[in-house]
Amino acid sequence: MSLLKEKSFLIPGPVGNIELKINFPPENTLLKGGMVIAHPHPQQGGTLDNKVVHTLARAALASGFAAVRFNFRGVGSSDGVYDRGIGEVDDMVCIIEYIISQYNYDKIVLAGFSFGGYVAAKTSEQVLSNALILVAPAVSRFELGVVPNHSLIMHGDQDDIVSLDAVLSWAEKQKIPVTVFPGTGHFFHGMLLPLQNFVRHYCDGIN
């Protein structure tokens, strides 16, 4: 599960330190920007080392984006406690402001898996970004609201945590497409490589 060219450190956040890891593409790759990735629910084992989060990071690196992963408050070395998604959005906004100030990336992509999809979607309402990637967003558990029409939404048709019907109902209201992975559950077991390739193709088209 290791990723190459990794920088790991703590930065000041809204309620203390936030644990952050950044992976960079190979030196001979044109750096297009940064992808900030939000992990699953902190109270259900979600961390920056989640397999789907790693998959999104690999897709980012393959497409020339730095992959920025972080632990929400109360997870790993990040200070604070779980805040029902409200404080977690503040954490993600803080991370984006930090990487923009430190690395001056031209393009910012927001991404999230499950609960992290909710956080990424809400964060997109507060910061400017070039793309939004949501994997199995927790639409039945949190109010995602409207997302940009260029967003990439992916879901498995065998998801037993967030039903495909719930995601389709949410997407239909704003007429946004959903890419369905057949025979796939919430955690994309056995489908991580196809997921990675699909996200990479999407990122390749970000101009």
C-alpha atoms as a PDB file:
ATOM      1  CA  MET A   1       0.000   0.000   0.000  1.00  0.00           C
ATOM      2  CA  SER A   2       3.026   2.334   0.135  1.00  0.00           C
ATOM      3  CA  LEU A   3       3.155   5.382  -2.098  1.00  0.00           C
ATOM      4  CA  LEU A   4       6.401   6.884  -3.408  1.00  0.00           C
ATOM      5  CA  LYS A   5       7.868  10.342  -2.710  1.00  0.00           C
ATOM      6  CA  GLU A   6       5.907  10.855   0.492  1.00  0.00           C
ATOM      7  CA  LYS A   7       6.129  13.838   2.807  1.00  0.00           C
ATOM      8  CA  SER A   8       4.453  13.451   6.201  1.00  0.00           C
ATOM      9  CA  PHE A   9       3.972  16.247   8.725  1.00  0.00           C
ATOM     10  CA  LEU A  10       1.572  18.149  11.017  1.00  0.00           C
ATOM     11  CA  ILE A  11       0.059  21.559  10.308  1.00  0.00           C
ATOM     12  CA  PRO A  12      -1.983  23.862  12.574  1.00  0.00           C
ATOM     13  CA  GLY A  13      -5.721  23.336  12.145  1.00  0.00           C
ATOM     14  CA  PRO A  14      -8.925  24.794  13.570  1.00  0.00           C
ATOM     15  CA  VAL A  15      -8.715  22.693  16.788  1.00  0.00           C
ATOM     16  CA  GLY A  16      -5.042  21.745  16.893  1.00  0.00           C
ATOM     17  CA  ASN A  17      -2.678  19.865  14.616  1.00  0.00           C
ATOM     18  CA  ILE A  18      -3.834  18.055  11.469  1.00  0.00           C
ATOM     19  CA  GLU A  19      -1.864  15.052  10.230  1.00  0.00           C
ATOM     20  CA  LEU A  20      -1.022  15.416   6.551  1.00  0.00           C
ATOM     21  CA  LYS A  21       0.702  13.284   3.920  1.00  0.00           C
ATOM     22  CA  ILE A  22       1.595  14.443   0.420  1.00  0.00           C
ATOM     23  CA  ASN A  23       2.850  12.212  -2.375  1.00  0.00           C
ATOM     24  CA  PHE A  24       4.383  13.712  -5.489  1.00  0.00           C
ATOM     25  CA  PRO A  25       4.455  12.400  -9.077  1.00  0.00           C
ATOM     26  CA  PRO A  26       7.786  11.308 -10.585  1.00  0.00           C
ATOM     27  CA  GLU A  27      10.141  14.215 -11.324  1.00  0.00           C
ATOM     28  CA  ASN A  28       9.790  13.735 -15.076  1.00  0.00           C
ATOM     29  CA  THR A  29       6.003  14.225 -14.848  1.00  0.00           C
ATOM     30  CA  LEU A  30       4.432  17.627 -15.504  1.00  0.00           C
ATOM     31  CA  LEU A  31       2.846  18.666 -12.200  1.00  0.00           C
ATOM     32  CA  LYS A  32      -0.717  19.776 -12.927  1.00  0.00           C
ATOM     33  CA  GLY A  33      -1.852  20.576  -9.387  1.00  0.00           C
ATOM     34  CA  GLY A  34      -3.010  18.865  -6.207  1.00  0.00           C
ATOM     35  CA  MET A  35      -5.786  16.445  -5.324  1.00  0.00           C
ATOM     36  CA  VAL A  36      -7.018  16.699  -1.718  1.00  0.00           C
ATOM     37  CA  ILE A  37      -8.652  13.434  -0.604  1.00  0.00           C
ATOM     38  CA  ALA A  38     -11.065  12.990   2.316  1.00  0.00           C
ATOM     39  CA  HIS A  39     -11.267   9.612   4.080  1.00  0.00           C
ATOM     40  CA  PRO A  40     -14.314   7.605   5.324  1.00  0.00           C
ATOM     41  CA  HIS A  41     -16.113   8.026   8.637  1.00  0.00           C
ATOM     42  CA  PRO A  42     -13.722   8.530  11.574  1.00  0.00           C
ATOM     43  CA  GLN A  43     -15.943   6.518  13.923  1.00  0.00           C
ATOM     44  CA  GLN A  44     -15.993   3.538  11.577  1.00  0.00           C
ATOM     45  CA  GLY A  45     -12.262   3.093  11.072  1.00  0.00           C
ATOM     46  CA  GLY A  46     -11.729   5.672   8.359  1.00  0.00           C
ATOM     47  CA  THR A  47      -8.186   7.040   7.999  1.00  0.00           C
ATOM     48  CA  LEU A  48      -5.920   8.513   5.352  1.00  0.00           C
ATOM     49  CA  ASP A  49      -4.593   4.973   4.755  1.00  0.00           C
ATOM     50  CA  ASN A  50      -7.956   3.588   3.604  1.00  0.00           C
ATOM     51  CA  LYS A  51      -7.605   1.485   0.432  1.00  0.00           C
ATOM     52  CA  VAL A  52     -10.003   3.597  -1.640  1.00  0.00           C
ATOM     53  CA  VAL A  53      -8.192   6.748  -0.492  1.00  0.00           C
ATOM     54  CA  HIS A  54      -4.913   5.155  -1.606  1.00  0.00           C
ATOM     55  CA  THR A  55      -6.525   4.271  -4.935  1.00  0.00           C
ATOM     56  CA  LEU A  56      -7.562   7.883  -5.494  1.00  0.00           C
ATOM     57  CA  ALA A  57      -4.034   8.975  -4.582  1.00  0.00           C
ATOM     58  CA  ARG A  58      -2.522   6.592  -7.126  1.00  0.00           C
ATOM     59  CA  ALA A  59      -4.866   7.903  -9.818  1.00  0.00           C
ATOM     60  CA  ALA A  60      -3.869  11.464  -8.955  1.00  0.00           C
ATOM     61  CA  LEU A  61      -0.152  10.680  -9.187  1.00  0.00           C
ATOM     62  CA  ALA A  62      -0.550   8.839 -12.492  1.00  0.00           C
ATOM     63  CA  SER A  63      -2.288  11.894 -13.932  1.00  0.00           C
ATOM     64  CA  GLY A  64       0.296  14.404 -12.722  1.00  0.00           C
ATOM     65  CA  PHE A  65      -1.371  15.634  -9.544  1.00  0.00           C
ATOM     66  CA  ALA A  66       0.195  15.644  -6.105  1.00  0.00           C
ATOM     67  CA  ALA A  67      -1.899  13.448  -3.790  1.00  0.00           C
ATOM     68  CA  VAL A  68      -2.806  15.143  -0.511  1.00  0.00           C
ATOM     69  CA  ARG A  69      -4.237  12.890   2.224  1.00  0.00           C
ATOM     70  CA  PHE A  70      -5.033  13.932   5.776  1.00  0.00           C
ATOM     71  CA  ASN A  71      -6.609  12.591   8.945  1.00  0.00           C
ATOM     72  CA  PHE A  72      -9.736  14.304  10.215  1.00  0.00           C
ATOM     73  CA  ARG A  73      -9.755  15.643  13.764  1.00  0.00           C
ATOM     74  CA  GLY A  74      -9.471  12.871  16.331  1.00  0.00           C
ATOM     75  CA  VAL A  75      -7.915  10.394  13.881  1.00  0.00           C
ATOM     76  CA  GLY A  76      -4.273   9.295  14.001  1.00  0.00           C
ATOM     77  CA  SER A  77      -2.095  12.220  15.063  1.00  0.00           C
ATOM     78  CA  SER A  78      -4.769  14.854  14.347  1.00  0.00           C
ATOM     79  CA  ASP A  79      -6.056  16.694  17.402  1.00  0.00           C
ATOM     80  CA  GLY A  80      -9.703  17.153  18.353  1.00  0.00           C
ATOM     81  CA  VAL A  81     -12.800  14.950  18.273  1.00  0.00           C
ATOM     82  CA  TYR A  82     -15.373  13.925  15.672  1.00  0.00           C
ATOM     83  CA  ASP A  83     -17.696  16.837  14.802  1.00  0.00           C
ATOM     84  CA  ARG A  84     -20.507  15.289  12.686  1.00  0.00           C
ATOM     85  CA  GLY A  85     -19.014  16.553   9.439  1.00  0.00           C
ATOM     86  CA  ILE A  86     -19.095  20.223  10.377  1.00  0.00           C
ATOM     87  CA  GLY A  87     -15.594  20.529  11.797  1.00  0.00           C
ATOM     88  CA  GLU A  88     -14.327  18.012   9.244  1.00  0.00           C
ATOM     89  CA  VAL A  89     -15.241  20.439   6.462  1.00  0.00           C
ATOM     90  CA  ASP A  90     -13.252  23.094   8.313  1.00  0.00           C
ATOM     91  CA  ASP A  91     -10.314  20.665   8.422  1.00  0.00           C
ATOM     92  CA  MET A  92     -10.430  20.106   4.663  1.00  0.00           C
ATOM     93  CA  VAL A  93     -10.722  23.826   3.943  1.00  0.00           C
ATOM     94  CA  CYS A  94      -7.665  24.374   6.136  1.00  0.00           C
ATOM     95  CA  ILE A  95      -5.686  21.742   4.219  1.00  0.00           C
ATOM     96  CA  ILE A  96      -6.577  23.333   0.867  1.00  0.00           C
ATOM     97  CA  GLU A  97      -5.590  26.796   2.056  1.00  0.00           C
ATOM     98  CA  TYR A  98      -2.296  25.369   3.301  1.00  0.00           C
ATOM     99  CA  ILE A  99      -1.296  23.599   0.097  1.00  0.00           C
ATOM    100  CA  ILE A 100      -2.259  26.603  -2.019  1.00  0.00           C
ATOM    101  CA  SER A 101      -0.117  28.871   0.138  1.00  0.00           C
ATOM    102  CA  GLN A 102       2.823  26.449   0.243  1.00  0.00           C
ATOM    103  CA  TYR A 103       2.803  24.966  -3.255  1.00  0.00           C
ATOM    104  CA  ASN A 104       0.850  27.475  -5.340  1.00  0.00           C
ATOM    105  CA  TYR A 105      -0.847  24.736  -7.378  1.00  0.00           C
ATOM    106  CA  ASP A 106      -2.652  25.942 -10.503  1.00  0.00           C
ATOM    107  CA  LYS A 107      -5.383  23.328 -10.186  1.00  0.00           C
ATOM    108  CA  ILE A 108      -7.121  21.856  -7.151  1.00  0.00           C
ATOM    109  CA  VAL A 109      -9.177  18.654  -7.260  1.00  0.00           C
ATOM    110  CA  LEU A 110     -11.359  17.666  -4.314  1.00  0.00           C
ATOM    111  CA  ALA A 111     -12.054  13.984  -3.731  1.00  0.00           C
ATOM    112  CA  GLY A 112     -13.708  11.901  -1.056  1.00  0.00           C
ATOM    113  CA  PHE A 113     -14.909   8.409  -0.260  1.00  0.00           C
ATOM    114  CA  SER A 114     -18.160   7.683   1.617  1.00  0.00           C
ATOM    115  CA  PHE A 115     -18.329  10.162   4.541  1.00  0.00           C
ATOM    116  CA  GLY A 116     -15.342  11.843   2.914  1.00  0.00           C
ATOM    117  CA  GLY A 117     -17.493  12.347  -0.166  1.00  0.00           C
ATOM    118  CA  TYR A 118     -19.923  14.370   1.926  1.00  0.00           C
ATOM    119  CA  VAL A 119     -17.058  16.446   3.343  1.00  0.00           C
ATOM    120  CA  ALA A 120     -15.543  17.022  -0.108  1.00  0.00           C
ATOM    121  CA  ALA A 121     -18.926  18.046  -1.537  1.00  0.00           C
ATOM    122  CA  LYS A 122     -19.563  20.542   1.273  1.00  0.00           C
ATOM    123  CA  THR A 123     -16.004  21.842   0.980  1.00  0.00           C
ATOM    124  CA  SER A 124     -16.583  22.528  -2.726  1.00  0.00           C
ATOM    125  CA  GLU A 125     -19.188  25.099  -1.648  1.00  0.00           C
ATOM    126  CA  GLN A 126     -16.511  27.098   0.168  1.00  0.00           C
ATOM    127  CA  VAL A 127     -13.391  26.865  -1.994  1.00  0.00           C
ATOM    128  CA  LEU A 128     -12.652  27.179  -5.678  1.00  0.00           C
ATOM    129  CA  SER A 129     -11.700  23.893  -7.305  1.00  0.00           C
ATOM    130  CA  ASN A 130     -11.285  22.483 -10.801  1.00  0.00           C
ATOM    131  CA  ALA A 131     -13.011  19.156 -10.172  1.00  0.00           C
ATOM    132  CA  LEU A 132     -14.881  17.108  -7.575  1.00  0.00           C
ATOM    133  CA  ILE A 133     -14.602  13.308  -7.320  1.00  0.00           C
ATOM    134  CA  LEU A 134     -17.032  11.388  -5.098  1.00  0.00           C
ATOM    135  CA  VAL A 135     -16.752   7.627  -4.522  1.00  0.00           C
ATOM    136  CA  ALA A 136     -19.802   6.025  -2.856  1.00  0.00           C
ATOM    137  CA  PRO A 137     -20.885   9.351  -1.334  1.00  0.00           C
ATOM    138  CA  ALA A 138     -22.921   8.953   1.850  1.00  0.00           C
ATOM    139  CA  VAL A 139     -26.041  10.670   0.501  1.00  0.00           C
ATOM    140  CA  SER A 140     -28.434   8.632   2.659  1.00  0.00           C
ATOM    141  CA  ARG A 141     -26.655   9.646   5.876  1.00  0.00           C
ATOM    142  CA  PHE A 142     -25.653  13.249   5.221  1.00  0.00           C
ATOM    143  CA  GLU A 143     -27.157  16.109   3.207  1.00  0.00           C
ATOM    144  CA  LEU A 144     -24.758  16.637   0.314  1.00  0.00           C
ATOM    145  CA  GLY A 145     -26.799  19.268  -1.496  1.00  0.00           C
ATOM    146  CA  VAL A 146     -25.964  20.441  -5.012  1.00  0.00           C
ATOM    147  CA  VAL A 147     -22.526  19.729  -6.496  1.00  0.00           C
ATOM    148  CA  PRO A 148     -20.862  21.204  -9.612  1.00  0.00           C
ATOM    149  CA  ASN A 149     -22.087  19.687 -12.866  1.00  0.00           C
ATOM    150  CA  HIS A 150     -18.554  18.621 -13.814  1.00  0.00           C
ATOM    151  CA  SER A 151     -18.325  16.327 -10.766  1.00  0.00           C
ATOM    152  CA  LEU A 152     -17.440  12.635 -11.131  1.00  0.00           C
ATOM    153  CA  ILE A 153     -19.755  10.389  -9.084  1.00  0.00           C
ATOM    154  CA  MET A 154     -19.012   6.645  -8.815  1.00  0.00           C
ATOM    155  CA  HIS A 155     -20.993   3.987  -6.995  1.00  0.00           C
ATOM    156  CA  GLY A 156     -21.277   0.204  -6.814  1.00  0.00           C
ATOM    157  CA  ASP A 157     -24.600  -1.445  -7.573  1.00  0.00           C
ATOM    158  CA  GLN A 158     -24.099  -3.873  -4.661  1.00  0.00           C
ATOM    159  CA  ASP A 159     -23.394  -1.207  -2.053  1.00  0.00           C
ATOM    160  CA  ASP A 160     -25.095  -2.303   1.197  1.00  0.00           C
ATOM    161  CA  ILE A 161     -24.070   0.796   3.186  1.00  0.00           C
ATOM    162  CA  VAL A 162     -25.254   3.549   0.838  1.00  0.00           C
ATOM    163  CA  SER A 163     -27.764   2.212  -1.665  1.00  0.00           C
ATOM    164  CA  LEU A 164     -27.399   2.934  -5.346  1.00  0.00           C
ATOM    165  CA  ASP A 165     -31.065   3.997  -5.397  1.00  0.00           C
ATOM    166  CA  ALA A 166     -30.321   6.716  -2.852  1.00  0.00           C
ATOM    167  CA  VAL A 167     -27.430   8.049  -4.918  1.00  0.00           C
ATOM    168  CA  LEU A 168     -29.442   7.968  -8.152  1.00  0.00           C
ATOM    169  CA  SER A 169     -32.340   9.777  -6.480  1.00  0.00           C
ATOM    170  CA  TRP A 170     -29.987  12.479  -5.212  1.00  0.00           C
ATOM    171  CA  ALA A 171     -28.262  12.803  -8.594  1.00  0.00           C
ATOM    172  CA  GLU A 172     -31.531  12.882 -10.558  1.00  0.00           C
ATOM    173  CA  LYS A 173     -32.659  16.034  -8.779  1.00  0.00           C
ATOM    174  CA  GLN A 174     -29.678  17.925 -10.189  1.00  0.00           C
ATOM    175  CA  LYS A 175     -29.382  15.968 -13.434  1.00  0.00           C
ATOM    176  CA  ILE A 176     -25.831  14.818 -12.805  1.00  0.00           C
ATOM    177  CA  PRO A 177     -24.549  11.472 -14.159  1.00  0.00           C
ATOM    178  CA  VAL A 178     -23.525   8.587 -11.916  1.00  0.00           C
ATOM    179  CA  THR A 179     -20.998   5.991 -13.073  1.00  0.00           C
ATOM    180  CA  VAL A 180     -22.147   2.586 -11.827  1.00  0.00           C
ATOM    181  CA  PHE A 181     -19.670  -0.242 -11.184  1.00  0.00           C
ATOM    182  CA  PRO A 182     -21.574  -3.544 -11.586  1.00  0.00           C
ATOM    183  CA  GLY A 183     -21.129  -6.253  -8.958  1.00  0.00           C
ATOM    184  CA  THR A 184     -19.350  -3.796  -6.677  1.00  0.00           C
ATOM    185  CA  GLY A 185     -19.885  -3.107  -2.975  1.00  0.00           C
ATOM    186  CA  HIS A 186     -19.207  -0.039  -0.876  1.00  0.00           C
ATOM    187  CA  PHE A 187     -15.473  -0.622  -0.500  1.00  0.00           C
ATOM    188  CA  PHE A 188     -14.873  -1.551  -4.172  1.00  0.00           C
ATOM    189  CA  HIS A 189     -13.254  -4.886  -3.252  1.00  0.00           C
ATOM    190  CA  GLY A 190     -11.790  -6.430  -6.397  1.00  0.00           C
ATOM    191  CA  MET A 191     -12.495  -3.240  -8.358  1.00  0.00           C
ATOM    192  CA  LEU A 192      -9.842  -0.875  -7.041  1.00  0.00           C
ATOM    193  CA  LEU A 193      -7.735  -1.018 -10.213  1.00  0.00           C
ATOM    194  CA  PRO A 194     -10.703  -0.267 -12.519  1.00  0.00           C
ATOM    195  CA  LEU A 195     -11.642   2.549 -10.142  1.00  0.00           C
ATOM    196  CA  GLN A 196      -8.104   3.910 -10.287  1.00  0.00           C
ATOM    197  CA  ASN A 197      -8.030   3.771 -14.084  1.00  0.00           C
ATOM    198  CA  PHE A 198     -11.417   5.482 -14.376  1.00  0.00           C
ATOM    199  CA  VAL A 199     -10.387   8.316 -12.051  1.00  0.00           C
ATOM    200  CA  ARG A 200      -7.083   8.697 -13.869  1.00  0.00           C
ATOM    201  CA  HIS A 201      -8.896   9.056 -17.195  1.00  0.00           C
ATOM    202  CA  TYR A 202     -11.120  11.734 -15.665  1.00  0.00           C
ATOM    203  CA  CYS A 203      -8.102  13.588 -14.221  1.00  0.00           C
ATOM    204  CA  ASP A 204      -6.283  13.426 -17.557  1.00  0.00           C
ATOM    205  CA  GLY A 205      -9.083  15.582 -18.975  1.00  0.00           C
ATOM    206  CA  ILE A 206      -8.758  18.347 -16.376  1.00  0.00           C
ATOM    207  CA  ASN A 207      -7.330  21.376 -18.143  1.00  0.00           C
END
